[in-house]
Protein backbone atom coordinates (compact mmCIF):
# COMPACT_ATOMS: atom_id res chain seq x y z
CA MET A 1 37.56 104.23 90.39
CA MET A 2 37.53 105.35 86.76
CA ARG A 3 33.81 104.44 86.45
CA SER A 4 32.87 106.66 89.41
CA ILE A 5 34.91 109.53 87.93
CA GLY A 6 32.99 109.10 84.66
CA ILE A 7 29.63 109.07 86.38
CA PHE A 8 30.59 112.19 88.33
CA THR A 9 31.60 113.94 85.16
CA LEU A 10 28.34 113.04 83.45
CA VAL A 11 26.36 114.31 86.43
CA PHE A 12 28.38 117.61 86.59
CA VAL A 13 27.91 118.20 82.88
CA ALA A 14 24.14 117.54 83.12
CA ILE A 15 23.80 119.95 86.07
CA PHE A 16 25.99 122.63 84.41
CA THR A 17 24.07 122.40 81.17
CA SER A 18 20.68 122.71 82.90
CA MET A 19 21.93 125.67 84.95
CA GLN A 20 23.19 127.42 81.79
CA ALA A 21 19.88 126.89 80.02
CA ALA A 22 17.98 128.26 82.99
CA GLU A 23 20.19 131.35 83.02
CA GLU A 24 19.51 132.06 79.30
CA GLY A 25 15.78 132.43 79.81
CA PRO A 26 12.93 131.23 77.65
CA VAL A 27 13.52 130.26 74.02
CA LYS A 28 11.49 132.13 71.38
CA PRO A 29 9.75 129.57 69.13
CA TYR A 30 10.50 129.31 65.42
CA PRO A 31 7.64 131.15 63.58
CA PHE A 32 7.95 129.80 59.99
CA PRO A 33 6.85 126.66 58.21
CA ASP A 34 10.10 126.59 56.04
CA CYS A 35 13.80 126.06 56.59
CA ILE A 36 15.61 129.34 57.07
CA ILE A 37 18.50 128.21 54.94
CA SER A 38 17.05 126.35 51.92
CA GLU A 39 13.37 127.65 52.20
CA GLU A 40 12.22 123.99 51.85
CA LYS A 41 9.09 123.06 53.68
CA LEU A 42 10.04 121.67 57.10
CA GLY A 43 9.36 118.00 57.25
CA SER A 44 9.73 117.49 53.53
CA LEU A 45 13.21 115.98 53.99
CA GLY A 46 12.57 114.16 57.21
CA LYS A 47 12.33 115.37 60.74
CA PRO A 48 13.31 119.05 61.08
CA ILE A 49 16.37 119.87 63.21
CA ALA A 50 15.83 122.47 65.91
CA LEU A 51 18.72 124.66 66.95
CA ILE A 52 18.93 127.36 69.61
CA TYR A 53 20.82 130.53 68.76
CA GLU A 54 20.93 133.37 71.34
CA GLY A 55 17.53 132.50 72.76
CA GLN A 56 15.90 131.99 69.37
CA GLU A 57 14.80 128.51 68.13
CA ILE A 58 15.82 128.00 64.53
CA LYS A 59 14.65 125.03 62.49
CA VAL A 60 16.38 123.60 59.45
CA CYS A 61 15.26 120.84 57.13
CA CYS A 62 18.38 118.68 56.97
CA ARG A 63 21.98 118.08 58.21
CA ASP A 64 23.37 120.03 55.27
CA CYS A 65 21.40 123.16 56.30
CA LYS A 66 22.45 122.62 59.90
CA LYS A 67 26.06 122.65 58.76
CA THR A 68 25.47 125.79 56.65
CA PHE A 69 23.85 127.46 59.68
CA GLU A 70 26.72 126.53 61.98
CA LYS A 71 29.26 127.72 59.41
CA ASN A 72 27.85 131.23 59.30
CA PRO A 73 25.08 131.78 61.93
CA ILE A 74 25.29 135.58 61.63
CA LYS A 75 24.36 135.44 57.92
CA ALA A 76 21.47 132.96 58.70
CA MET A 77 20.26 135.07 61.50
CA ALA A 78 20.25 138.19 59.35
CA LYS A 79 18.00 136.25 56.87
CA PHE A 80 15.82 135.20 59.77
CA GLU A 81 15.51 138.70 61.07
CA ALA A 82 14.62 140.00 57.59
CA ALA A 83 11.86 137.35 57.32
CA VAL A 84 10.54 138.36 60.76
CA ARG A 85 10.38 141.97 59.73
CA ALA A 86 8.71 141.13 56.46
CA GLN A 87 6.15 138.99 58.20
CA ALA A 88 5.39 141.73 60.79
CA SER A 89 5.10 144.32 57.97
CA SER A 90 2.55 142.14 56.04
CA VAL A 91 0.53 141.54 59.19
CA ALA A 92 0.49 145.33 59.89
CA LYS A 93 -0.88 146.10 56.39
CA GLU A 94 -3.80 143.76 56.93
């Protein structure tokens, strides 16, 4: 009996998660080759960690940077948005 409840719970969570992801729409890809937290080259410290925050993919170089992002995502996203604006500005000048 307990096993069937556990399986039902796993199936429910999987369906709910996939429905929630579908409602959020497409995820915008991360546009930079560097970690948004440490500015290290992605892949220099192992496999990058991809996070999704409000429909935007964010990549960090390590678990410490992931913890930093999760501790204060608003600050990290402000840095990300500034980098996006700077990149758009430099492209527009070319």
